PDB file of all heavy atoms in Angstrom:
ATOM      1  N   TYR A   1      57.942 150.333 152.441  1.00  0.00           N
ATOM      2  CA  TYR A   1      56.735 150.103 151.645  1.00  0.00           C
ATOM      3  C   TYR A   1      55.666 149.342 152.422  1.00  0.00           C
ATOM      4  O   TYR A   1      54.497 149.728 152.418  1.00  0.00           O
ATOM      5  CB  TYR A   1      57.117 149.341 150.371  1.00  0.00           C
ATOM      6  CG  TYR A   1      55.951 148.823 149.554  1.00  0.00           C
ATOM      7  CD1 TYR A   1      55.337 149.620 148.594  1.00  0.00           C
ATOM      8  CD2 TYR A   1      55.469 147.517 149.723  1.00  0.00           C
ATOM      9  CE1 TYR A   1      54.268 149.153 147.833  1.00  0.00           C
ATOM     10  CE2 TYR A   1      54.405 147.038 148.973  1.00  0.00           C
ATOM     11  CZ  TYR A   1      53.809 147.865 148.035  1.00  0.00           C
ATOM     12  OH  TYR A   1      52.750 147.388 147.299  1.00  0.00           O
ATOM     13  N   VAL A   2      56.048 148.254 153.072  1.00  0.00           N
ATOM     14  CA  VAL A   2      55.046 147.413 153.746  1.00  0.00           C
ATOM     15  C   VAL A   2      54.405 148.186 154.900  1.00  0.00           C
ATOM     16  O   VAL A   2      53.180 148.157 155.078  1.00  0.00           O
ATOM     17  CB  VAL A   2      55.668 146.095 154.244  1.00  0.00           C
ATOM     18  CG1 VAL A   2      54.603 145.234 154.924  1.00  0.00           C
ATOM     19  CG2 VAL A   2      56.304 145.324 153.088  1.00  0.00           C
ATOM     20  N   TYR A   3      55.217 148.905 155.667  1.00  0.00           N
ATOM     21  CA  TYR A   3      54.670 149.751 156.731  1.00  0.00           C
ATOM     22  C   TYR A   3      53.675 150.752 156.150  1.00  0.00           C
ATOM     23  O   TYR A   3      52.575 150.939 156.698  1.00  0.00           O
ATOM     24  CB  TYR A   3      55.802 150.483 157.458  1.00  0.00           C
ATOM     25  CG  TYR A   3      55.344 151.725 158.177  1.00  0.00           C
ATOM     26  CD1 TYR A   3      54.539 151.640 159.315  1.00  0.00           C
ATOM     27  CD2 TYR A   3      55.680 152.997 157.695  1.00  0.00           C
ATOM     28  CE1 TYR A   3      54.091 152.790 159.958  1.00  0.00           C
ATOM     29  CE2 TYR A   3      55.236 154.139 158.335  1.00  0.00           C
ATOM     30  CZ  TYR A   3      54.444 154.031 159.467  1.00  0.00           C
ATOM     31  OH  TYR A   3      53.990 155.164 160.091  1.00  0.00           O
ATOM     32  N   GLU A   4      54.042 151.412 155.062  1.00  0.00           N
ATOM     33  CA  GLU A   4      53.162 152.416 154.456  1.00  0.00           C
ATOM     34  C   GLU A   4      51.866 151.792 153.951  1.00  0.00           C
ATOM     35  O   GLU A   4      50.789 152.401 154.028  1.00  0.00           O
ATOM     36  CB  GLU A   4      53.894 153.134 153.326  1.00  0.00           C
ATOM     37  CG  GLU A   4      55.039 154.008 153.823  1.00  0.00           C
ATOM     38  CD  GLU A   4      55.933 154.509 152.710  1.00  0.00           C
ATOM     39  OE1 GLU A   4      55.672 154.160 151.531  1.00  0.00           O
ATOM     40  OE2 GLU A   4      56.898 155.250 153.006  1.00  0.00           O
ATOM     41  N   GLN A   5      51.947 150.554 153.445  1.00  0.00           N
ATOM     42  CA  GLN A   5      50.743 149.851 152.988  1.00  0.00           C
ATOM     43  C   GLN A   5      49.787 149.602 154.156  1.00  0.00           C
ATOM     44  O   GLN A   5      48.584 149.792 154.035  1.00  0.00           O
ATOM     45  CB  GLN A   5      51.138 148.528 152.336  1.00  0.00           C
ATOM     46  CG  GLN A   5      51.808 148.665 150.981  1.00  0.00           C
ATOM     47  CD  GLN A   5      50.824 148.958 149.867  1.00  0.00           C
ATOM     48  OE1 GLN A   5      49.951 148.151 149.564  1.00  0.00           O
ATOM     49  NE2 GLN A   5      50.938 150.122 149.270  1.00  0.00           N
ATOM     50  N   TYR A   6      50.329 149.182 155.292  1.00  0.00           N
ATOM     51  CA  TYR A   6      49.492 149.011 156.496  1.00  0.00           C
ATOM     52  C   TYR A   6      48.968 150.353 156.985  1.00  0.00           C
ATOM     53  O   TYR A   6      47.777 150.504 157.294  1.00  0.00           O
ATOM     54  CB  TYR A   6      50.292 148.335 157.617  1.00  0.00           C
ATOM     55  CG  TYR A   6      50.317 146.831 157.556  1.00  0.00           C
ATOM     56  CD1 TYR A   6      51.523 146.135 157.445  1.00  0.00           C
ATOM     57  CD2 TYR A   6      49.141 146.081 157.632  1.00  0.00           C
ATOM     58  CE1 TYR A   6      51.559 144.748 157.410  1.00  0.00           C
ATOM     59  CE2 TYR A   6      49.164 144.696 157.593  1.00  0.00           C
ATOM     60  CZ  TYR A   6      50.371 144.036 157.482  1.00  0.00           C
ATOM     61  OH  TYR A   6      50.393 142.671 157.443  1.00  0.00           O
ATOM     62  N   ARG A   7      49.852 151.326 157.082  1.00  0.00           N
ATOM     63  CA  ARG A   7      49.462 152.658 157.590  1.00  0.00           C
ATOM     64  C   ARG A   7      48.322 153.265 156.779  1.00  0.00           C
ATOM     65  O   ARG A   7      47.388 153.860 157.340  1.00  0.00           O
ATOM     66  CB  ARG A   7      50.683 153.583 157.547  1.00  0.00           C
ATOM     67  CG  ARG A   7      50.434 154.994 158.048  1.00  0.00           C
ATOM     68  CD  ARG A   7      51.542 155.926 157.611  1.00  0.00           C
ATOM     69  NE  ARG A   7      51.577 156.060 156.149  1.00  0.00           N
ATOM     70  CZ  ARG A   7      52.580 156.613 155.474  1.00  0.00           C
ATOM     71  NH1 ARG A   7      53.647 157.033 156.115  1.00  0.00           N
ATOM     72  NH2 ARG A   7      52.519 156.707 154.144  1.00  0.00           N
ATOM     73  N   ASP A   8      48.378 153.086 155.458  1.00  0.00           N
ATOM     74  CA  ASP A   8      47.399 153.705 154.569  1.00  0.00           C
ATOM     75  C   ASP A   8      46.163 152.838 154.345  1.00  0.00           C
ATOM     76  O   ASP A   8      45.272 153.213 153.587  1.00  0.00           O
ATOM     77  CB  ASP A   8      48.051 154.025 153.225  1.00  0.00           C
ATOM     78  CG  ASP A   8      49.199 155.024 153.359  1.00  0.00           C
ATOM     79  OD1 ASP A   8      49.265 155.716 154.395  1.00  0.00           O
ATOM     80  OD2 ASP A   8      50.036 155.098 152.433  1.00  0.00           O
ATOM     81  N   GLY A   9      46.123 151.664 154.974  1.00  0.00           N
ATOM     82  CA  GLY A   9      44.955 150.798 154.852  1.00  0.00           C
ATOM     83  C   GLY A   9      44.889 150.011 153.561  1.00  0.00           C
ATOM     84  O   GLY A   9      43.862 149.405 153.254  1.00  0.00           O
ATOM     85  N   GLU A  10      45.989 149.985 152.795  1.00  0.00           N
ATOM     86  CA  GLU A  10      46.018 149.224 151.547  1.00  0.00           C
ATOM     87  C   GLU A  10      46.060 147.716 151.840  1.00  0.00           C
ATOM     88  O   GLU A  10      45.565 146.912 151.054  1.00  0.00           O
ATOM     89  CB  GLU A  10      47.222 149.623 150.706  1.00  0.00           C
ATOM     90  CG  GLU A  10      47.187 151.055 150.193  1.00  0.00           C
ATOM     91  CD  GLU A  10      46.052 151.297 149.229  1.00  0.00           C
ATOM     92  OE1 GLU A  10      45.738 150.381 148.445  1.00  0.00           O
ATOM     93  OE2 GLU A  10      45.473 152.391 149.260  1.00  0.00           O
ATOM     94  N   ILE A  11      46.694 147.346 152.943  1.00  0.00           N
ATOM     95  CA  ILE A  11      46.636 145.980 153.456  1.00  0.00           C
ATOM     96  C   ILE A  11      46.259 146.072 154.926  1.00  0.00           C
ATOM     97  O   ILE A  11      46.528 147.082 155.583  1.00  0.00           O
ATOM     98  CB  ILE A  11      47.966 145.210 153.271  1.00  0.00           C
ATOM     99  CG1 ILE A  11      49.132 145.932 153.969  1.00  0.00           C
ATOM    100  CG2 ILE A  11      48.271 145.020 151.799  1.00  0.00           C
ATOM    101  CD1 ILE A  11      50.451 145.184 153.894  1.00  0.00           C
ATOM    102  N   THR A  12      45.633 145.037 155.452  1.00  0.00           N
ATOM    103  CA  THR A  12      45.087 145.149 156.807  1.00  0.00           C
ATOM    104  C   THR A  12      45.330 143.923 157.681  1.00  0.00           C
ATOM    105  O   THR A  12      45.204 144.012 158.902  1.00  0.00           O
ATOM    106  CB  THR A  12      43.563 145.383 156.748  1.00  0.00           C
ATOM    107  OG1 THR A  12      42.950 144.302 156.014  1.00  0.00           O
ATOM    108  CG2 THR A  12      43.231 146.694 156.051  1.00  0.00           C
ATOM    109  N   SER A  13      45.682 142.803 157.089  1.00  0.00           N
ATOM    110  CA  SER A  13      45.745 141.549 157.830  1.00  0.00           C
ATOM    111  C   SER A  13      47.180 141.046 157.971  1.00  0.00           C
ATOM    112  O   SER A  13      48.035 141.333 157.123  1.00  0.00           O
ATOM    113  CB  SER A  13      44.910 140.486 157.096  1.00  0.00           C
ATOM    114  OG  SER A  13      45.139 139.203 157.623  1.00  0.00           O
ATOM    115  N   ASP A  14      47.436 140.280 159.046  1.00  0.00           N
ATOM    116  CA  ASP A  14      48.761 139.661 159.162  1.00  0.00           C
ATOM    117  C   ASP A  14      48.973 138.638 158.055  1.00  0.00           C
ATOM    118  O   ASP A  14      50.105 138.293 157.725  1.00  0.00           O
ATOM    119  CB  ASP A  14      48.989 139.034 160.542  1.00  0.00           C
ATOM    120  CG  ASP A  14      47.992 137.952 160.908  1.00  0.00           C
ATOM    121  OD1 ASP A  14      47.194 137.544 160.046  1.00  0.00           O
ATOM    122  OD2 ASP A  14      48.023 137.511 162.070  1.00  0.00           O
ATOM    123  N   ASP A  15      47.884 138.174 157.426  1.00  0.00           N
ATOM    124  CA  ASP A  15      47.994 137.237 156.299  1.00  0.00           C
ATOM    125  C   ASP A  15      48.752 137.856 155.125  1.00  0.00           C
ATOM    126  O   ASP A  15      49.352 137.143 154.323  1.00  0.00           O
ATOM    127  CB  ASP A  15      46.594 136.809 155.846  1.00  0.00           C
ATOM    128  CG  ASP A  15      46.622 135.835 154.678  1.00  0.00           C
ATOM    129  OD1 ASP A  15      47.054 134.687 154.883  1.00  0.00           O
ATOM    130  OD2 ASP A  15      46.230 136.229 153.561  1.00  0.00           O
ATOM    131  N   ASP A  16      48.743 139.177 155.034  1.00  0.00           N
ATOM    132  CA  ASP A  16      49.408 139.839 153.912  1.00  0.00           C
ATOM    133  C   ASP A  16      50.926 139.670 153.956  1.00  0.00           C
ATOM    134  O   ASP A  16      51.585 139.772 152.921  1.00  0.00           O
ATOM    135  CB  ASP A  16      49.060 141.327 153.898  1.00  0.00           C
ATOM    136  CG  ASP A  16      47.618 141.572 153.496  1.00  0.00           C
ATOM    137  OD1 ASP A  16      47.332 141.529 152.289  1.00  0.00           O
ATOM    138  OD2 ASP A  16      46.774 141.784 154.381  1.00  0.00           O
ATOM    139  N   VAL A  17      51.486 139.469 155.144  1.00  0.00           N
ATOM    140  CA  VAL A  17      52.945 139.310 155.248  1.00  0.00           C
ATOM    141  C   VAL A  17      53.351 137.920 155.735  1.00  0.00           C
ATOM    142  O   VAL A  17      54.536 137.601 155.806  1.00  0.00           O
ATOM    143  CB  VAL A  17      53.565 140.377 156.187  1.00  0.00           C
ATOM    144  CG1 VAL A  17      53.475 141.751 155.545  1.00  0.00           C
ATOM    145  CG2 VAL A  17      52.907 140.377 157.555  1.00  0.00           C
ATOM    146  N   ALA A  18      52.374 137.086 156.069  1.00  0.00           N
ATOM    147  CA  ALA A  18      52.674 135.767 156.619  1.00  0.00           C
ATOM    148  C   ALA A  18      53.272 134.844 155.563  1.00  0.00           C
ATOM    149  O   ALA A  18      52.897 134.879 154.386  1.00  0.00           O
ATOM    150  CB  ALA A  18      51.401 135.127 157.181  1.00  0.00           C
ATOM    151  N   VAL A  19      54.223 134.017 156.005  1.00  0.00           N
ATOM    152  CA  VAL A  19      54.802 132.985 155.150  1.00  0.00           C
ATOM    153  C   VAL A  19      54.938 131.697 155.943  1.00  0.00           C
ATOM    154  O   VAL A  19      54.989 131.702 157.169  1.00  0.00           O
ATOM    155  CB  VAL A  19      56.191 133.379 154.591  1.00  0.00           C
ATOM    156  CG1 VAL A  19      56.097 134.577 153.679  1.00  0.00           C
ATOM    157  CG2 VAL A  19      57.184 133.632 155.717  1.00  0.00           C
ATOM    158  N   MET A  20      55.006 130.585 155.222  1.00  0.00           N
ATOM    159  CA  MET A  20      55.361 129.310 155.833  1.00  0.00           C
ATOM    160  C   MET A  20      56.851 129.340 156.106  1.00  0.00           C
ATOM    161  O   MET A  20      57.646 129.645 155.213  1.00  0.00           O
ATOM    162  CB  MET A  20      55.011 128.157 154.887  1.00  0.00           C
ATOM    163  CG  MET A  20      55.226 126.784 155.492  1.00  0.00           C
ATOM    164  SD  MET A  20      54.091 126.466 156.852  1.00  0.00           S
ATOM    165  CE  MET A  20      54.496 124.741 157.192  1.00  0.00           C
ATOM    166  N   LEU A  21      57.244 129.051 157.346  1.00  0.00           N
ATOM    167  CA  LEU A  21      58.626 129.246 157.768  1.00  0.00           C
ATOM    168  C   LEU A  21      59.228 127.953 158.290  1.00  0.00           C
ATOM    169  O   LEU A  21      58.607 127.247 159.079  1.00  0.00           O
ATOM    170  CB  LEU A  21      58.670 130.313 158.867  1.00  0.00           C
ATOM    171  CG  LEU A  21      59.995 130.577 159.566  1.00  0.00           C
ATOM    172  CD1 LEU A  21      61.012 131.134 158.578  1.00  0.00           C
ATOM    173  CD2 LEU A  21      59.791 131.546 160.727  1.00  0.00           C
ATOM    174  N   ASP A  22      60.445 127.652 157.807  1.00  0.00           N
ATOM    175  CA  ASP A  22      61.222 126.569 158.395  1.00  0.00           C
ATOM    176  C   ASP A  22      61.963 127.165 159.585  1.00  0.00           C
ATOM    177  O   ASP A  22      62.895 127.957 159.421  1.00  0.00           O
ATOM    178  CB  ASP A  22      62.223 126.017 157.361  1.00  0.00           C
ATOM    179  CG  ASP A  22      63.000 124.815 157.876  1.00  0.00           C
ATOM    180  OD1 ASP A  22      63.365 124.815 159.063  1.00  0.00           O
ATOM    181  OD2 ASP A  22      63.264 123.894 157.079  1.00  0.00           O
ATOM    182  N   MET A  23      61.547 126.811 160.803  1.00  0.00           N
ATOM    183  CA  MET A  23      62.101 127.437 161.992  1.00  0.00           C
ATOM    184  C   MET A  23      63.557 127.063 162.224  1.00  0.00           C
ATOM    185  O   MET A  23      64.273 127.759 162.947  1.00  0.00           O
ATOM    186  CB  MET A  23      61.258 127.083 163.221  1.00  0.00           C
ATOM    187  CG  MET A  23      59.887 127.748 163.247  1.00  0.00           C
ATOM    188  SD  MET A  23      59.980 129.563 163.224  1.00  0.00           S
ATOM    189  CE  MET A  23      60.752 129.903 164.811  1.00  0.00           C
ATOM    190  N   ASP A  24      64.011 125.968 161.633  1.00  0.00           N
ATOM    191  CA  ASP A  24      65.413 125.576 161.801  1.00  0.00           C
ATOM    192  C   ASP A  24      66.351 126.397 160.921  1.00  0.00           C
ATOM    193  O   ASP A  24      67.421 126.826 161.352  1.00  0.00           O
ATOM    194  CB  ASP A  24      65.593 124.081 161.503  1.00  0.00           C
ATOM    195  CG  ASP A  24      64.888 123.202 162.521  1.00  0.00           C
ATOM    196  OD1 ASP A  24      64.833 123.589 163.705  1.00  0.00           O
ATOM    197  OD2 ASP A  24      64.383 122.128 162.133  1.00  0.00           O
ATOM    198  N   THR A  25      65.935 126.619 159.668  1.00  0.00           N
ATOM    199  CA  THR A  25      66.790 127.335 158.722  1.00  0.00           C
ATOM    200  C   THR A  25      66.363 128.788 158.512  1.00  0.00           C
ATOM    201  O   THR A  25      67.096 129.559 157.890  1.00  0.00           O
ATOM    202  CB  THR A  25      66.790 126.634 157.357  1.00  0.00           C
ATOM    203  OG1 THR A  25      65.457 126.705 156.798  1.00  0.00           O
ATOM    204  CG2 THR A  25      67.194 125.176 157.484  1.00  0.00           C
TER     205      THR A  25
END
């Protein structure tokens, strides 16, 4: 789904999939 959303231009930015991440866990 997420790939298709990017491919079809429904989402365009890395902000659409970005999350705050705890790099340890």
